[in-house]
Amino acid sequence: APWTDLRIVKAGLLDTAGRLDAAAAELQSVGTGAAREELREVLI
């Protein structure tokens, strides 16, 4: 979708599948505020 960052979508899919380490790594590479909020949830 043109309004979403594909890296955040990919991290969300990895999170949904239970691959939290891969999701966290994907989100750390983004660096935006939205990605940091998602990363916070994964780390929790």
PDB file of all heavy atoms in Angstrom:
ATOM      1  N   ALA A   1       0.853  -1.187   0.000  1.00  0.00           N
ATOM      2  CA  ALA A   1       0.000   0.000   0.000  1.00  0.00           C
ATOM      3  C   ALA A   1       0.889   1.237   0.000  1.00  0.00           C
ATOM      4  O   ALA A   1       1.900   1.272   0.704  1.00  0.00           O
ATOM      5  CB  ALA A   1      -0.904  -0.007   1.227  1.00  0.00           C
ATOM      6  N   PRO A   2       0.534   2.246  -0.771  1.00  0.00           N
ATOM      7  CA  PRO A   2       1.407   3.425  -0.873  1.00  0.00           C
ATOM      8  C   PRO A   2       1.499   4.228   0.421  1.00  0.00           C
ATOM      9  O   PRO A   2       2.418   5.007   0.590  1.00  0.00           O
ATOM     10  CB  PRO A   2       0.762   4.247  -1.992  1.00  0.00           C
ATOM     11  CG  PRO A   2      -0.636   3.767  -2.083  1.00  0.00           C
ATOM     12  CD  PRO A   2      -0.646   2.354  -1.617  1.00  0.00           C
ATOM     13  N   TRP A   3       0.581   4.049   1.348  1.00  0.00           N
ATOM     14  CA  TRP A   3       0.578   4.838   2.580  1.00  0.00           C
ATOM     15  C   TRP A   3       1.240   4.130   3.749  1.00  0.00           C
ATOM     16  O   TRP A   3       1.224   4.626   4.863  1.00  0.00           O
ATOM     17  CB  TRP A   3      -0.857   5.228   2.962  1.00  0.00           C
ATOM     18  CG  TRP A   3      -1.743   4.041   3.119  1.00  0.00           C
ATOM     19  CD1 TRP A   3      -1.896   3.277   4.242  1.00  0.00           C
ATOM     20  CD2 TRP A   3      -2.573   3.455   2.139  1.00  0.00           C
ATOM     21  NE1 TRP A   3      -2.767   2.248   4.008  1.00  0.00           N
ATOM     22  CE2 TRP A   3      -3.203   2.345   2.702  1.00  0.00           C
ATOM     23  CE3 TRP A   3      -2.852   3.769   0.804  1.00  0.00           C
ATOM     24  CZ2 TRP A   3      -4.090   1.538   2.008  1.00  0.00           C
ATOM     25  CZ3 TRP A   3      -3.738   2.964   0.117  1.00  0.00           C
ATOM     26  CH2 TRP A   3      -4.338   1.873   0.720  1.00  0.00           C
ATOM     27  N   THR A   4       1.809   2.956   3.523  1.00  0.00           N
ATOM     28  CA  THR A   4       2.458   2.228   4.612  1.00  0.00           C
ATOM     29  C   THR A   4       3.925   1.988   4.293  1.00  0.00           C
ATOM     30  O   THR A   4       4.316   1.901   3.127  1.00  0.00           O
ATOM     31  CB  THR A   4       1.788   0.868   4.863  1.00  0.00           C
ATOM     32  OG1 THR A   4       1.875   0.089   3.670  1.00  0.00           O
ATOM     33  CG2 THR A   4       0.346   1.013   5.277  1.00  0.00           C
ATOM     34  N   ASP A   5       4.721   1.871   5.327  1.00  0.00           N
ATOM     35  CA  ASP A   5       6.129   1.518   5.177  1.00  0.00           C
ATOM     36  C   ASP A   5       6.198  -0.004   5.157  1.00  0.00           C
ATOM     37  O   ASP A   5       5.809  -0.663   6.126  1.00  0.00           O
ATOM     38  CB  ASP A   5       6.937   2.088   6.338  1.00  0.00           C
ATOM     39  CG  ASP A   5       8.435   1.909   6.163  1.00  0.00           C
ATOM     40  OD1 ASP A   5       8.854   0.886   5.578  1.00  0.00           O
ATOM     41  OD2 ASP A   5       9.182   2.780   6.619  1.00  0.00           O
ATOM     42  N   LEU A   6       6.667  -0.557   4.079  1.00  0.00           N
ATOM     43  CA  LEU A   6       6.689  -2.016   3.910  1.00  0.00           C
ATOM     44  C   LEU A   6       7.502  -2.702   5.004  1.00  0.00           C
ATOM     45  O   LEU A   6       7.183  -3.810   5.429  1.00  0.00           O
ATOM     46  CB  LEU A   6       7.230  -2.375   2.527  1.00  0.00           C
ATOM     47  CG  LEU A   6       7.203  -3.848   2.165  1.00  0.00           C
ATOM     48  CD1 LEU A   6       5.787  -4.406   2.233  1.00  0.00           C
ATOM     49  CD2 LEU A   6       7.779  -4.064   0.783  1.00  0.00           C
ATOM     50  N   ARG A   7       8.528  -2.030   5.522  1.00  0.00           N
ATOM     51  CA  ARG A   7       9.342  -2.634   6.582  1.00  0.00           C
ATOM     52  C   ARG A   7       8.527  -2.809   7.863  1.00  0.00           C
ATOM     53  O   ARG A   7       8.682  -3.800   8.575  1.00  0.00           O
ATOM     54  CB  ARG A   7      10.581  -1.788   6.837  1.00  0.00           C
ATOM     55  CG  ARG A   7      11.507  -1.723   5.613  1.00  0.00           C
ATOM     56  CD  ARG A   7      12.584  -0.706   5.786  1.00  0.00           C
ATOM     57  NE  ARG A   7      11.982   0.623   5.908  1.00  0.00           N
ATOM     58  CZ  ARG A   7      12.662   1.745   6.122  1.00  0.00           C
ATOM     59  NH1 ARG A   7      13.970   1.701   6.256  1.00  0.00           N
ATOM     60  NH2 ARG A   7      12.053   2.903   6.195  1.00  0.00           N
ATOM     61  N   ILE A   8       7.633  -1.848   8.149  1.00  0.00           N
ATOM     62  CA  ILE A   8       6.777  -1.968   9.334  1.00  0.00           C
ATOM     63  C   ILE A   8       5.759  -3.078   9.130  1.00  0.00           C
ATOM     64  O   ILE A   8       5.461  -3.845  10.048  1.00  0.00           O
ATOM     65  CB  ILE A   8       6.111  -0.624   9.660  1.00  0.00           C
ATOM     66  CG1 ILE A   8       7.184   0.399  10.090  1.00  0.00           C
ATOM     67  CG2 ILE A   8       5.065  -0.784  10.767  1.00  0.00           C
ATOM     68  CD1 ILE A   8       6.660   1.786  10.344  1.00  0.00           C
ATOM     69  N   VAL A   9       5.222  -3.190   7.906  1.00  0.00           N
ATOM     70  CA  VAL A   9       4.279  -4.274   7.600  1.00  0.00           C
ATOM     71  C   VAL A   9       4.974  -5.626   7.756  1.00  0.00           C
ATOM     72  O   VAL A   9       4.430  -6.544   8.375  1.00  0.00           O
ATOM     73  CB  VAL A   9       3.702  -4.111   6.176  1.00  0.00           C
ATOM     74  CG1 VAL A   9       2.877  -5.322   5.772  1.00  0.00           C
ATOM     75  CG2 VAL A   9       2.875  -2.841   6.080  1.00  0.00           C
ATOM     76  N   LYS A  10       6.184  -5.728   7.221  1.00  0.00           N
ATOM     77  CA  LYS A  10       6.942  -6.979   7.322  1.00  0.00           C
ATOM     78  C   LYS A  10       7.198  -7.337   8.785  1.00  0.00           C
ATOM     79  O   LYS A  10       7.023  -8.484   9.197  1.00  0.00           O
ATOM     80  CB  LYS A  10       8.264  -6.850   6.572  1.00  0.00           C
ATOM     81  CG  LYS A  10       9.103  -8.103   6.585  1.00  0.00           C
ATOM     82  CD  LYS A  10      10.376  -7.925   5.787  1.00  0.00           C
ATOM     83  CE  LYS A  10      11.256  -9.149   5.878  1.00  0.00           C
ATOM     84  NZ  LYS A  10      12.533  -8.957   5.182  1.00  0.00           N
ATOM     85  N   ALA A  11       7.573  -6.348   9.587  1.00  0.00           N
ATOM     86  CA  ALA A  11       7.807  -6.596  11.013  1.00  0.00           C
ATOM     87  C   ALA A  11       6.521  -7.039  11.701  1.00  0.00           C
ATOM     88  O   ALA A  11       6.547  -7.928  12.546  1.00  0.00           O
ATOM     89  CB  ALA A  11       8.362  -5.341  11.676  1.00  0.00           C
ATOM     90  N   GLY A  12       5.398  -6.439  11.329  1.00  0.00           N
ATOM     91  CA  GLY A  12       4.117  -6.837  11.907  1.00  0.00           C
ATOM     92  C   GLY A  12       3.762  -8.274  11.564  1.00  0.00           C
ATOM     93  O   GLY A  12       3.239  -9.014  12.402  1.00  0.00           O
ATOM     94  N   LEU A  13       4.046  -8.668  10.340  1.00  0.00           N
ATOM     95  CA  LEU A  13       3.788 -10.053   9.934  1.00  0.00           C
ATOM     96  C   LEU A  13       4.686 -11.013  10.701  1.00  0.00           C
ATOM     97  O   LEU A  13       4.245 -12.076  11.140  1.00  0.00           O
ATOM     98  CB  LEU A  13       3.981 -10.201   8.424  1.00  0.00           C
ATOM     99  CG  LEU A  13       2.935  -9.505   7.559  1.00  0.00           C
ATOM    100  CD1 LEU A  13       3.383  -9.457   6.098  1.00  0.00           C
ATOM    101  CD2 LEU A  13       1.588 -10.181   7.687  1.00  0.00           C
ATOM    102  N   LEU A  14       5.952 -10.641  10.862  1.00  0.00           N
ATOM    103  CA  LEU A  14       6.872 -11.478  11.635  1.00  0.00           C
ATOM    104  C   LEU A  14       6.419 -11.586  13.090  1.00  0.00           C
ATOM    105  O   LEU A  14       6.477 -12.655  13.688  1.00  0.00           O
ATOM    106  CB  LEU A  14       8.289 -10.899  11.556  1.00  0.00           C
ATOM    107  CG  LEU A  14       8.972 -11.009  10.199  1.00  0.00           C
ATOM    108  CD1 LEU A  14      10.194 -10.094  10.142  1.00  0.00           C
ATOM    109  CD2 LEU A  14       9.364 -12.445   9.905  1.00  0.00           C
ATOM    110  N   ASP A  15       5.945 -10.479  13.633  1.00  0.00           N
ATOM    111  CA  ASP A  15       5.425 -10.477  15.004  1.00  0.00           C
ATOM    112  C   ASP A  15       4.212 -11.389  15.117  1.00  0.00           C
ATOM    113  O   ASP A  15       4.095 -12.177  16.060  1.00  0.00           O
ATOM    114  CB  ASP A  15       5.073  -9.037  15.388  1.00  0.00           C
ATOM    115  CG  ASP A  15       4.549  -8.900  16.803  1.00  0.00           C
ATOM    116  OD1 ASP A  15       4.667  -9.848  17.598  1.00  0.00           O
ATOM    117  OD2 ASP A  15       4.011  -7.834  17.120  1.00  0.00           O
ATOM    118  N   THR A  16       3.297 -11.303  14.158  1.00  0.00           N
ATOM    119  CA  THR A  16       2.097 -12.136  14.155  1.00  0.00           C
ATOM    120  C   THR A  16       2.461 -13.620  14.127  1.00  0.00           C
ATOM    121  O   THR A  16       1.812 -14.443  14.767  1.00  0.00           O
ATOM    122  CB  THR A  16       1.208 -11.801  12.940  1.00  0.00           C
ATOM    123  OG1 THR A  16       0.838 -10.431  13.028  1.00  0.00           O
ATOM    124  CG2 THR A  16      -0.028 -12.661  12.882  1.00  0.00           C
ATOM    125  N   ALA A  17       3.528 -13.944  13.420  1.00  0.00           N
ATOM    126  CA  ALA A  17       3.963 -15.337  13.323  1.00  0.00           C
ATOM    127  C   ALA A  17       4.797 -15.768  14.524  1.00  0.00           C
ATOM    128  O   ALA A  17       5.253 -16.910  14.582  1.00  0.00           O
ATOM    129  CB  ALA A  17       4.760 -15.542  12.035  1.00  0.00           C
ATOM    130  N   GLY A  18       5.022 -14.847  15.486  1.00  0.00           N
ATOM    131  CA  GLY A  18       5.782 -15.204  16.676  1.00  0.00           C
ATOM    132  C   GLY A  18       7.278 -15.090  16.516  1.00  0.00           C
ATOM    133  O   GLY A  18       8.028 -15.525  17.391  1.00  0.00           O
ATOM    134  N   ARG A  19       7.738 -14.519  15.437  1.00  0.00           N
ATOM    135  CA  ARG A  19       9.180 -14.359  15.204  1.00  0.00           C
ATOM    136  C   ARG A  19       9.594 -12.976  15.701  1.00  0.00           C
ATOM    137  O   ARG A  19       9.888 -12.074  14.929  1.00  0.00           O
ATOM    138  CB  ARG A  19       9.480 -14.582  13.735  1.00  0.00           C
ATOM    139  CG  ARG A  19       9.179 -16.031  13.330  1.00  0.00           C
ATOM    140  CD  ARG A  19       9.248 -16.316  11.870  1.00  0.00           C
ATOM    141  NE  ARG A  19      10.514 -16.003  11.265  1.00  0.00           N
ATOM    142  CZ  ARG A  19      10.753 -16.140   9.961  1.00  0.00           C
ATOM    143  NH1 ARG A  19       9.818 -16.594   9.171  1.00  0.00           N
ATOM    144  NH2 ARG A  19      11.918 -15.813   9.465  1.00  0.00           N
ATOM    145  N   LEU A  20       9.600 -12.825  17.029  1.00  0.00           N
ATOM    146  CA  LEU A  20       9.812 -11.526  17.657  1.00  0.00           C
ATOM    147  C   LEU A  20      11.212 -10.972  17.427  1.00  0.00           C
ATOM    148  O   LEU A  20      11.372  -9.759  17.252  1.00  0.00           O
ATOM    149  CB  LEU A  20       9.499 -11.613  19.145  1.00  0.00           C
ATOM    150  CG  LEU A  20       8.058 -11.996  19.489  1.00  0.00           C
ATOM    151  CD1 LEU A  20       7.884 -12.115  20.995  1.00  0.00           C
ATOM    152  CD2 LEU A  20       7.077 -11.005  18.904  1.00  0.00           C
ATOM    153  N   ASP A  21      12.235 -11.821  17.433  1.00  0.00           N
ATOM    154  CA  ASP A  21      13.597 -11.331  17.191  1.00  0.00           C
ATOM    155  C   ASP A  21      13.726 -10.737  15.792  1.00  0.00           C
ATOM    156  O   ASP A  21      14.327  -9.676  15.615  1.00  0.00           O
ATOM    157  CB  ASP A  21      14.622 -12.457  17.370  1.00  0.00           C
ATOM    158  CG  ASP A  21      14.781 -12.868  18.828  1.00  0.00           C
ATOM    159  OD1 ASP A  21      14.485 -12.038  19.719  1.00  0.00           O
ATOM    160  OD2 ASP A  21      15.204 -14.016  19.077  1.00  0.00           O
ATOM    161  N   ALA A  22      13.157 -11.415  14.807  1.00  0.00           N
ATOM    162  CA  ALA A  22      13.212 -10.912  13.430  1.00  0.00           C
ATOM    163  C   ALA A  22      12.401  -9.631  13.288  1.00  0.00           C
ATOM    164  O   ALA A  22      12.810  -8.698  12.589  1.00  0.00           O
ATOM    165  CB  ALA A  22      12.705 -11.967  12.451  1.00  0.00           C
ATOM    166  N   ALA A  23      11.256  -9.556  13.971  1.00  0.00           N
ATOM    167  CA  ALA A  23      10.428  -8.342  13.932  1.00  0.00           C
ATOM    168  C   ALA A  23      11.180  -7.170  14.546  1.00  0.00           C
ATOM    169  O   ALA A  23      11.180  -6.062  13.998  1.00  0.00           O
ATOM    170  CB  ALA A  23       9.100  -8.576  14.655  1.00  0.00           C
ATOM    171  N   ALA A  24      11.825  -7.398  15.699  1.00  0.00           N
ATOM    172  CA  ALA A  24      12.584  -6.333  16.363  1.00  0.00           C
ATOM    173  C   ALA A  24      13.727  -5.851  15.478  1.00  0.00           C
ATOM    174  O   ALA A  24      13.952  -4.648  15.353  1.00  0.00           O
ATOM    175  CB  ALA A  24      13.109  -6.821  17.706  1.00  0.00           C
ATOM    176  N   ALA A  25      14.431  -6.777  14.838  1.00  0.00           N
ATOM    177  CA  ALA A  25      15.538  -6.394  13.957  1.00  0.00           C
ATOM    178  C   ALA A  25      15.041  -5.563  12.783  1.00  0.00           C
ATOM    179  O   ALA A  25      15.675  -4.575  12.392  1.00  0.00           O
ATOM    180  CB  ALA A  25      16.262  -7.644  13.458  1.00  0.00           C
ATOM    181  N   GLU A  26      13.910  -5.943  12.213  1.00  0.00           N
ATOM    182  CA  GLU A  26      13.338  -5.198  11.090  1.00  0.00           C
ATOM    183  C   GLU A  26      12.960  -3.783  11.521  1.00  0.00           C
ATOM    184  O   GLU A  26      13.224  -2.816  10.824  1.00  0.00           O
ATOM    185  CB  GLU A  26      12.114  -5.934  10.551  1.00  0.00           C
ATOM    186  CG  GLU A  26      11.564  -5.385   9.270  1.00  0.00           C
ATOM    187  CD  GLU A  26      12.444  -5.648   8.061  1.00  0.00           C
ATOM    188  OE1 GLU A  26      13.090  -6.708   7.986  1.00  0.00           O
ATOM    189  OE2 GLU A  26      12.494  -4.762   7.173  1.00  0.00           O
ATOM    190  N   LEU A  27      12.352  -3.649  12.683  1.00  0.00           N
ATOM    191  CA  LEU A  27      11.913  -2.341  13.165  1.00  0.00           C
ATOM    192  C   LEU A  27      13.079  -1.449  13.554  1.00  0.00           C
ATOM    193  O   LEU A  27      13.014  -0.232  13.383  1.00  0.00           O
ATOM    194  CB  LEU A  27      10.959  -2.514  14.350  1.00  0.00           C
ATOM    195  CG  LEU A  27       9.598  -3.090  13.980  1.00  0.00           C
ATOM    196  CD1 LEU A  27       8.853  -3.549  15.220  1.00  0.00           C
ATOM    197  CD2 LEU A  27       8.777  -2.082  13.197  1.00  0.00           C
ATOM    198  N   GLN A  28      14.151  -2.020  14.070  1.00  0.00           N
ATOM    199  CA  GLN A  28      15.314  -1.210  14.441  1.00  0.00           C
ATOM    200  C   GLN A  28      15.960  -0.587  13.223  1.00  0.00           C
ATOM    201  O   GLN A  28      16.562   0.476  13.324  1.00  0.00           O
ATOM    202  CB  GLN A  28      16.320  -2.050  15.221  1.00  0.00           C
ATOM    203  CG  GLN A  28      15.850  -2.352  16.626  1.00  0.00           C
ATOM    204  CD  GLN A  28      16.728  -3.328  17.362  1.00  0.00           C
ATOM    205  OE1 GLN A  28      17.484  -4.097  16.754  1.00  0.00           O
ATOM    206  NE2 GLN A  28      16.640  -3.330  18.677  1.00  0.00           N
ATOM    207  N   SER A  29      15.795  -1.197  12.065  1.00  0.00           N
ATOM    208  CA  SER A  29      16.398  -0.643  10.852  1.00  0.00           C
ATOM    209  C   SER A  29      15.602   0.517  10.274  1.00  0.00           C
ATOM    210  O   SER A  29      16.095   1.249   9.442  1.00  0.00           O
ATOM    211  CB  SER A  29      16.548  -1.743   9.787  1.00  0.00           C
ATOM    212  OG  SER A  29      15.265  -2.113   9.286  1.00  0.00           O
ATOM    213  N   VAL A  30      14.357   0.704  10.730  1.00  0.00           N
ATOM    214  CA  VAL A  30      13.502   1.755  10.164  1.00  0.00           C
ATOM    215  C   VAL A  30      13.821   3.106  10.786  1.00  0.00           C
ATOM    216  O   VAL A  30      14.116   4.067  10.087  1.00  0.00           O
ATOM    217  CB  VAL A  30      12.005   1.413  10.331  1.00  0.00           C
ATOM    218  CG1 VAL A  30      11.141   2.516   9.765  1.00  0.00           C
ATOM    219  CG2 VAL A  30      11.691   0.091   9.655  1.00  0.00           C
ATOM    220  N   GLY A  31      13.719   3.221  12.100  1.00  0.00           N
ATOM    221  CA  GLY A  31      14.101   4.441  12.782  1.00  0.00           C
ATOM    222  C   GLY A  31      13.058   5.546  12.865  1.00  0.00           C
ATOM    223  O   GLY A  31      13.342   6.609  13.383  1.00  0.00           O
ATOM    224  N   THR A  32      11.855   5.341  12.382  1.00  0.00           N
ATOM    225  CA  THR A  32      10.818   6.370  12.486  1.00  0.00           C
ATOM    226  C   THR A  32      10.112   6.262  13.832  1.00  0.00           C
ATOM    227  O   THR A  32      10.251   5.260  14.544  1.00  0.00           O
ATOM    228  CB  THR A  32       9.775   6.228  11.365  1.00  0.00           C
ATOM    229  OG1 THR A  32       9.097   4.972  11.531  1.00  0.00           O
ATOM    230  CG2 THR A  32      10.411   6.292   9.993  1.00  0.00           C
ATOM    231  N   GLY A  33       9.327   7.275  14.168  1.00  0.00           N
ATOM    232  CA  GLY A  33       8.567   7.244  15.408  1.00  0.00           C
ATOM    233  C   GLY A  33       7.591   6.092  15.447  1.00  0.00           C
ATOM    234  O   GLY A  33       7.435   5.414  16.473  1.00  0.00           O
ATOM    235  N   ALA A  34       6.906   5.845  14.324  1.00  0.00           N
ATOM    236  CA  ALA A  34       5.946   4.734  14.263  1.00  0.00           C
ATOM    237  C   ALA A  34       6.663   3.400  14.464  1.00  0.00           C
ATOM    238  O   ALA A  34       6.159   2.513  15.158  1.00  0.00           O
ATOM    239  CB  ALA A  34       5.210   4.744  12.928  1.00  0.00           C
ATOM    240  N   ALA A  35       7.841   3.264  13.872  1.00  0.00           N
ATOM    241  CA  ALA A  35       8.594   2.018  14.025  1.00  0.00           C
ATOM    242  C   ALA A  35       9.060   1.840  15.471  1.00  0.00           C
ATOM    243  O   ALA A  35       9.052   0.727  15.992  1.00  0.00           O
ATOM    244  CB  ALA A  35       9.790   2.001  13.080  1.00  0.00           C
ATOM    245  N   ARG A  36       9.454   2.946  16.135  1.00  0.00           N
ATOM    246  CA  ARG A  36       9.883   2.839  17.532  1.00  0.00           C
ATOM    247  C   ARG A  36       8.716   2.420  18.426  1.00  0.00           C
ATOM    248  O   ARG A  36       8.896   1.646  19.366  1.00  0.00           O
ATOM    249  CB  ARG A  36      10.486   4.156  18.007  1.00  0.00           C
ATOM    250  CG  ARG A  36      11.907   4.372  17.510  1.00  0.00           C
ATOM    251  CD  ARG A  36      12.585   5.518  18.235  1.00  0.00           C
ATOM    252  NE  ARG A  36      11.924   6.787  18.019  1.00  0.00           N
ATOM    253  CZ  ARG A  36      12.182   7.631  17.021  1.00  0.00           C
ATOM    254  NH1 ARG A  36      13.099   7.316  16.134  1.00  0.00           N
ATOM    255  NH2 ARG A  36      11.544   8.772  16.911  1.00  0.00           N
ATOM    256  N   GLU A  37       7.518   2.907  18.128  1.00  0.00           N
ATOM    257  CA  GLU A  37       6.353   2.490  18.919  1.00  0.00           C
ATOM    258  C   GLU A  37       6.066   1.004  18.728  1.00  0.00           C
ATOM    259  O   GLU A  37       5.765   0.291  19.685  1.00  0.00           O
ATOM    260  CB  GLU A  37       5.136   3.326  18.546  1.00  0.00           C
ATOM    261  CG  GLU A  37       5.231   4.746  19.066  1.00  0.00           C
ATOM    262  CD  GLU A  37       4.004   5.568  18.761  1.00  0.00           C
ATOM    263  OE1 GLU A  37       2.926   4.974  18.534  1.00  0.00           O
ATOM    264  OE2 GLU A  37       4.128   6.797  18.761  1.00  0.00           O
ATOM    265  N   GLU A  38       6.162   0.529  17.483  1.00  0.00           N
ATOM    266  CA  GLU A  38       5.964  -0.900  17.223  1.00  0.00           C
ATOM    267  C   GLU A  38       7.058  -1.734  17.890  1.00  0.00           C
ATOM    268  O   GLU A  38       6.794  -2.796  18.450  1.00  0.00           O
ATOM    269  CB  GLU A  38       5.944  -1.168  15.719  1.00  0.00           C
ATOM    270  CG  GLU A  38       4.769  -0.562  14.989  1.00  0.00           C
ATOM    271  CD  GLU A  38       3.448  -1.215  15.370  1.00  0.00           C
ATOM    272  OE1 GLU A  38       3.431  -2.430  15.634  1.00  0.00           O
ATOM    273  OE2 GLU A  38       2.447  -0.489  15.418  1.00  0.00           O
ATOM    274  N   LEU A  39       8.287  -1.227  17.819  1.00  0.00           N
ATOM    275  CA  LEU A  39       9.411  -1.930  18.443  1.00  0.00           C
ATOM    276  C   LEU A  39       9.217  -2.032  19.952  1.00  0.00           C
ATOM    277  O   LEU A  39       9.491  -3.072  20.553  1.00  0.00           O
ATOM    278  CB  LEU A  39      10.729  -1.211  18.132  1.00  0.00           C
ATOM    279  CG  LEU A  39      11.989  -1.787  18.760  1.00  0.00           C
ATOM    280  CD1 LEU A  39      12.197  -3.246  18.354  1.00  0.00           C
ATOM    281  CD2 LEU A  39      13.194  -0.944  18.390  1.00  0.00           C
ATOM    282  N   ARG A  40       8.698  -0.974  20.546  1.00  0.00           N
ATOM    283  CA  ARG A  40       8.428  -0.993  21.989  1.00  0.00           C
ATOM    284  C   ARG A  40       7.477  -2.135  22.329  1.00  0.00           C
ATOM    285  O   ARG A  40       7.688  -2.877  23.281  1.00  0.00           O
ATOM    286  CB  ARG A  40       7.850   0.351  22.428  1.00  0.00           C
ATOM    287  CG  ARG A  40       7.553   0.440  23.903  1.00  0.00           C
ATOM    288  CD  ARG A  40       7.072   1.839  24.282  1.00  0.00           C
ATOM    289  NE  ARG A  40       5.962   2.300  23.477  1.00  0.00           N
ATOM    290  CZ  ARG A  40       4.665   2.084  23.750  1.00  0.00           C
ATOM    291  NH1 ARG A  40       4.341   1.387  24.805  1.00  0.00           N
ATOM    292  NH2 ARG A  40       3.729   2.556  22.970  1.00  0.00           N
ATOM    293  N   GLU A  41       6.439  -2.310  21.527  1.00  0.00           N
ATOM    294  CA  GLU A  41       5.466  -3.382  21.774  1.00  0.00           C
ATOM    295  C   GLU A  41       6.115  -4.762  21.642  1.00  0.00           C
ATOM    296  O   GLU A  41       5.849  -5.662  22.444  1.00  0.00           O
ATOM    297  CB  GLU A  41       4.281  -3.262  20.810  1.00  0.00           C
ATOM    298  CG  GLU A  41       3.454  -2.015  21.011  1.00  0.00           C
ATOM    299  CD  GLU A  41       2.776  -1.977  22.358  1.00  0.00           C
ATOM    300  OE1 GLU A  41       2.346  -3.043  22.852  1.00  0.00           O
ATOM    301  OE2 GLU A  41       2.670  -0.883  22.929  1.00  0.00           O
ATOM    302  N   VAL A  42       6.962  -4.927  20.636  1.00  0.00           N
ATOM    303  CA  VAL A  42       7.637  -6.213  20.430  1.00  0.00           C
ATOM    304  C   VAL A  42       8.567  -6.506  21.605  1.00  0.00           C
ATOM    305  O   VAL A  42       8.608  -7.630  22.119  1.00  0.00           O
ATOM    306  CB  VAL A  42       8.416  -6.216  19.091  1.00  0.00           C
ATOM    307  CG1 VAL A  42       9.318  -7.433  18.986  1.00  0.00           C
ATOM    308  CG2 VAL A  42       7.450  -6.167  17.918  1.00  0.00           C
ATOM    309  N   LEU A  43       9.308  -5.494  22.054  1.00  0.00           N
ATOM    310  CA  LEU A  43      10.229  -5.694  23.173  1.00  0.00           C
ATOM    311  C   LEU A  43       9.480  -6.040  24.458  1.00  0.00           C
ATOM    312  O   LEU A  43       9.948  -6.856  25.254  1.00  0.00           O
ATOM    313  CB  LEU A  43      11.089  -4.450  23.371  1.00  0.00           C
ATOM    314  CG  LEU A  43      12.100  -4.173  22.252  1.00  0.00           C
ATOM    315  CD1 LEU A  43      12.746  -2.812  22.449  1.00  0.00           C
ATOM    316  CD2 LEU A  43      13.139  -5.270  22.164  1.00  0.00           C
ATOM    317  N   ILE A  44       8.316  -5.452  24.663  1.00  0.00           N
ATOM    318  CA  ILE A  44       7.507  -5.796  25.834  1.00  0.00           C
ATOM    319  C   ILE A  44       7.085  -7.259  25.767  1.00  0.00           C
ATOM    320  O   ILE A  44       7.171  -7.992  26.748  1.00  0.00           O
ATOM    321  CB  ILE A  44       6.279  -4.861  25.939  1.00  0.00           C
ATOM    322  CG1 ILE A  44       6.734  -3.456  26.363  1.00  0.00           C
ATOM    323  CG2 ILE A  44       5.248  -5.418  26.917  1.00  0.00           C
ATOM    324  CD1 ILE A  44       5.664  -2.401  26.253  1.00  0.00           C
TER     325      ILE A  44
END
